[in-house]
Structure formats: C-alpha cells, structure tokens
C-alpha atoms as a PDB file:
ATOM      1  CA  MET A   1      79.286  64.811 107.886  1.00  0.00           C
ATOM      2  CA  THR A   2      80.199  68.477 108.513  1.00  0.00           C
ATOM      3  CA  THR A   3      79.900  70.079 111.883  1.00  0.00           C
ATOM      4  CA  LEU A   4      78.727  73.595 112.464  1.00  0.00           C
ATOM      5  CA  PRO A   5      81.147  76.031 114.066  1.00  0.00           C
ATOM      6  CA  THR A   6      80.654  76.592 117.713  1.00  0.00           C
ATOM      7  CA  ILE A   7      79.532  79.947 119.067  1.00  0.00           C
ATOM      8  CA  GLU A   8      83.007  80.449 120.534  1.00  0.00           C
ATOM      9  CA  LEU A   9      84.588  80.105 117.084  1.00  0.00           C
ATOM     10  CA  LEU A  10      82.112  82.555 115.562  1.00  0.00           C
ATOM     11  CA  GLU A  11      82.887  85.150 118.198  1.00  0.00           C
ATOM     12  CA  ARG A  12      86.638  84.930 117.551  1.00  0.00           C
ATOM     13  CA  THR A  13      86.335  85.250 113.785  1.00  0.00           C
ATOM     14  CA  THR A  14      84.211  88.393 113.865  1.00  0.00           C
ATOM     15  CA  GLY A  15      87.298  90.415 114.890  1.00  0.00           C
ATOM     16  CA  CYS A  16      88.734  89.952 111.397  1.00  0.00           C
ATOM     17  CA  CYS A  17      86.387  92.571 110.015  1.00  0.00           C
ATOM     18  CA  THR A  18      87.909  95.593 111.706  1.00  0.00           C
ATOM     19  CA  PRO A  19      88.263  98.609 109.416  1.00  0.00           C
ATOM     20  CA  ILE A  20      91.599  99.041 107.679  1.00  0.00           C
ATOM     21  CA  PRO A  21      93.202 102.282 106.526  1.00  0.00           C
ATOM     22  CA  THR A  22      92.262 103.385 103.043  1.00  0.00           C
ATOM     23  CA  PRO A  23      94.740 101.889 100.555  1.00  0.00           C
ATOM     24  CA  LEU A  24      96.493 103.923  97.896  1.00  0.00           C
ATOM     25  CA  SER A  25      94.384 104.862  94.920  1.00  0.00           C
ATOM     26  CA  GLU A  26      95.022 102.963  91.715  1.00  0.00           C
ATOM     27  CA  VAL A  27      96.875 105.976  90.269  1.00  0.00           C
ATOM     28  CA  GLU A  28      99.047 106.350  93.393  1.00  0.00           C
ATOM     29  CA  ALA A  29      99.798 102.615  93.477  1.00  0.00           C
ATOM     30  CA  ASP A  30     100.731 102.665  89.788  1.00  0.00           C
ATOM     31  CA  SER A  31     103.022 105.658  90.326  1.00  0.00           C
ATOM     32  CA  ILE A  32     104.901 104.149  93.267  1.00  0.00           C
ATOM     33  CA  SER A  33     105.123 100.808  91.478  1.00  0.00           C
ATOM     34  CA  ASN A  34     106.753 102.535  88.491  1.00  0.00           C
ATOM     35  CA  ASP A  35     109.200 104.256  90.845  1.00  0.00           C
ATOM     36  CA  PHE A  36     110.220 100.935  92.378  1.00  0.00           C
ATOM     37  CA  GLN A  37     110.484  99.237  88.985  1.00  0.00           C
ATOM     38  CA  ILE A  38     112.795 101.801  87.414  1.00  0.00           C
ATOM     39  CA  PHE A  39     115.283 101.396  90.276  1.00  0.00           C
ATOM     40  CA  ALA A  40     114.804  97.618  90.491  1.00  0.00           C
ATOM     41  CA  HIS A  41     117.229  96.411  87.813  1.00  0.00           C
ATOM     42  CA  PRO A  42     120.965  96.136  88.566  1.00  0.00           C
ATOM     43  CA  VAL A  43     122.033  97.417  85.130  1.00  0.00           C
ATOM     44  CA  ARG A  44     119.918 100.553  85.545  1.00  0.00           C
ATOM     45  CA  VAL A  45     121.350 101.085  89.021  1.00  0.00           C
ATOM     46  CA  GLN A  46     124.884 100.723  87.605  1.00  0.00           C
ATOM     47  CA  ILE A  47     124.140 103.228  84.842  1.00  0.00           C
ATOM     48  CA  LEU A  48     122.581 105.703  87.265  1.00  0.00           C
ATOM     49  CA  THR A  49     125.489 105.465  89.713  1.00  0.00           C
ATOM     50  CA  ALA A  50     128.021 105.899  86.898  1.00  0.00           C
ATOM     51  CA  LEU A  51     126.216 109.018  85.705  1.00  0.00           C
ATOM     52  CA  ALA A  52     125.821 110.324  89.269  1.00  0.00           C
ATOM     53  CA  ALA A  53     129.570 109.986  89.847  1.00  0.00           C
ATOM     54  CA  SER A  54     130.403 111.981  86.719  1.00  0.00           C
ATOM     55  CA  ALA A  55     130.471 115.755  86.672  1.00  0.00           C
ATOM     56  CA  ASP A  56     130.237 115.733  82.860  1.00  0.00           C
ATOM     57  CA  SER A  57     128.178 113.954  80.238  1.00  0.00           C
ATOM     58  CA  VAL A  58     129.154 110.322  79.706  1.00  0.00           C
ATOM     59  CA  CYS A  59     129.527 108.804  76.256  1.00  0.00           C
ATOM     60  CA  VAL A  60     127.361 105.759  75.649  1.00  0.00           C
ATOM     61  CA  CYS A  61     130.504 103.819  74.696  1.00  0.00           C
ATOM     62  CA  ASP A  62     131.874 104.416  78.203  1.00  0.00           C
ATOM     63  CA  LEU A  63     128.616 103.230  79.748  1.00  0.00           C
ATOM     64  CA  GLU A  64     128.786 100.101  77.634  1.00  0.00           C
ATOM     65  CA  THR A  65     132.227  99.266  79.011  1.00  0.00           C
ATOM     66  CA  ALA A  66     131.198 100.101  82.595  1.00  0.00           C
ATOM     67  CA  VAL A  67     128.541  97.374  82.842  1.00  0.00           C
ATOM     68  CA  ALA A  68     128.940  93.675  82.140  1.00  0.00           C
ATOM     69  CA  VAL A  69     126.243  93.383  79.480  1.00  0.00           C
ATOM     70  CA  LYS A  70     126.178  93.773  75.727  1.00  0.00           C
ATOM     71  CA  GLN A  71     125.389  97.018  73.894  1.00  0.00           C
ATOM     72  CA  PRO A  72     121.744  96.210  73.046  1.00  0.00           C
ATOM     73  CA  THR A  73     121.027  95.639  76.746  1.00  0.00           C
ATOM     74  CA  VAL A  74     122.651  98.934  77.707  1.00  0.00           C
ATOM     75  CA  SER A  75     120.634 100.725  75.026  1.00  0.00           C
ATOM     76  CA  TYR A  76     117.426  99.119  76.249  1.00  0.00           C
ATOM     77  CA  HIS A  77     118.028 100.247  79.846  1.00  0.00           C
ATOM     78  CA  LEU A  78     119.061 103.736  78.734  1.00  0.00           C
ATOM     79  CA  LYS A  79     115.785 104.012  76.819  1.00  0.00           C
ATOM     80  CA  LEU A  80     113.824 103.057  79.944  1.00  0.00           C
ATOM     81  CA  LEU A  81     115.760 105.626  81.973  1.00  0.00           C
ATOM     82  CA  ARG A  82     115.130 108.297  79.292  1.00  0.00           C
ATOM     83  CA  ASP A  83     111.421 107.438  79.176  1.00  0.00           C
ATOM     84  CA  ALA A  84     111.302 107.758  82.971  1.00  0.00           C
ATOM     85  CA  GLY A  85     112.945 111.184  82.702  1.00  0.00           C
ATOM     86  CA  LEU A  86     115.919 110.152  84.839  1.00  0.00           C
ATOM     87  CA  VAL A  87     118.545 110.712  82.142  1.00  0.00           C
ATOM     88  CA  SER A  88     118.883 112.927  79.129  1.00  0.00           C
ATOM     89  CA  TYR A  89     121.202 112.705  76.165  1.00  0.00           C
ATOM     90  CA  GLU A  90     122.684 114.744  73.395  1.00  0.00           C
ATOM     91  CA  ARG A  91     123.936 113.388  70.078  1.00  0.00           C
ATOM     92  CA  GLN A  92     127.365 114.424  68.883  1.00  0.00           C
ATOM     93  CA  GLY A  93     128.117 112.729  65.609  1.00  0.00           C
ATOM     94  CA  PRO A  94     127.699 108.968  65.964  1.00  0.00           C
ATOM     95  CA  TRP A  95     127.830 109.110  69.771  1.00  0.00           C
ATOM     96  CA  ALA A  96     125.247 109.912  72.430  1.00  0.00           C
ATOM     97  CA  TYR A  97     126.328 111.599  75.654  1.00  0.00           C
ATOM     98  CA  TYR A  98     124.199 110.956  78.729  1.00  0.00           C
ATOM     99  CA  THR A  99     123.645 113.039  81.839  1.00  0.00           C
ATOM    100  CA  LEU A 100     121.736 112.283  84.990  1.00  0.00           C
ATOM    101  CA  ASN A 101     118.612 114.332  85.598  1.00  0.00           C
ATOM    102  CA  ARG A 102     119.441 114.869  89.267  1.00  0.00           C
ATOM    103  CA  GLU A 103     116.203 116.701  89.991  1.00  0.00           C
ATOM    104  CA  ALA A 104     114.087 113.835  88.636  1.00  0.00           C
ATOM    105  CA  VAL A 105     116.102 111.270  90.611  1.00  0.00           C
ATOM    106  CA  THR A 106     115.739 113.334  93.796  1.00  0.00           C
ATOM    107  CA  THR A 107     111.981 113.652  93.214  1.00  0.00           C
ATOM    108  CA  ARG A 108     111.596 109.885  92.764  1.00  0.00           C
ATOM    109  CA  GLN A 109     113.725 109.146  95.815  1.00  0.00           C
ATOM    110  CA  ALA A 110     111.662 111.553  97.922  1.00  0.00           C
ATOM    111  CA  ARG A 111     108.405 110.004  96.711  1.00  0.00           C
ATOM    112  CA  ILE A 112     109.637 106.495  97.569  1.00  0.00           C
ATOM    113  CA  ARG A 113     110.956 107.684 100.947  1.00  0.00           C
ATOM    114  CA  ALA A 114     107.634 109.362 101.810  1.00  0.00           C
ATOM    115  CA  TYR A 115     105.752 106.239 100.813  1.00  0.00           C
ATOM    116  CA  LEU A 116     107.949 103.951 102.919  1.00  0.00           C
ATOM    117  CA  GLU A 117     107.763 106.284 105.915  1.00  0.00           C
ATOM    118  CA  GLY A 118     103.991 105.895 105.745  1.00  0.00           C
ATOM    119  CA  TRP A 119     104.492 102.190 106.526  1.00  0.00           C
ATOM    120  CA  GLY A 120     106.136 102.912 109.881  1.00  0.00           C
END
C-alpha cells in the first residue's frame, strides 16, 4: 500500500522549480565542446607545445620522434589540429613542415577562459 506525501513534503519540494539561468544555445555548446575536445588529448597537447616552443617550422619527422606514439597516430592528430585551424603545414619534397597558428590557439584559449569565468 502506498502512502500519499504529507503537506509538509509537498511544500519542501516546490522549491526545486526555481528558474535557472538560460543555458548555452546548442551552437554555443557545440563550439565550446569542440574547443575542449581539441585540447583534450595528450598527444595533441604534446604536438602543440612542441610547435609553440619552436620559432621555426617543425618537420613532421621531428614531431614523430618527440611523442611516444607511432607515425600513423601522429598523422591522425596533426590532421585534427589542421582541421581545427590550430596548425598549418607546407610540403617540401617528401616532408611536411608544421607551424602553430598562434592566433587561432589564442582565440580558442580566450573563448574557453571566457566560458569558464562565466561559471564563477
């Protein structure tokens, strides 16, 4: 047999329906999620920090030796970073030379920072 809630219980539970701030739009949520995802993998972070530390373009062969994964994995992460606009490359013969798109990285960092500051 079930019992009905008491009036006291009903009064306490009505407070759960207070208005909440408007959440991010679907587009904004997707954008910030993509920002977090691109920086979320250790290999991508290693690649980005290696490129950030270099004043010149870095040969893909040097990136492959800088991280502890095999070449196909490095290529996969470089493609994701290119698609995100965070790195660019130039082919010279059989080699590709990568550079960090510092402006794009700064823009993403600022967007993440602004989003997180909104939490405080």
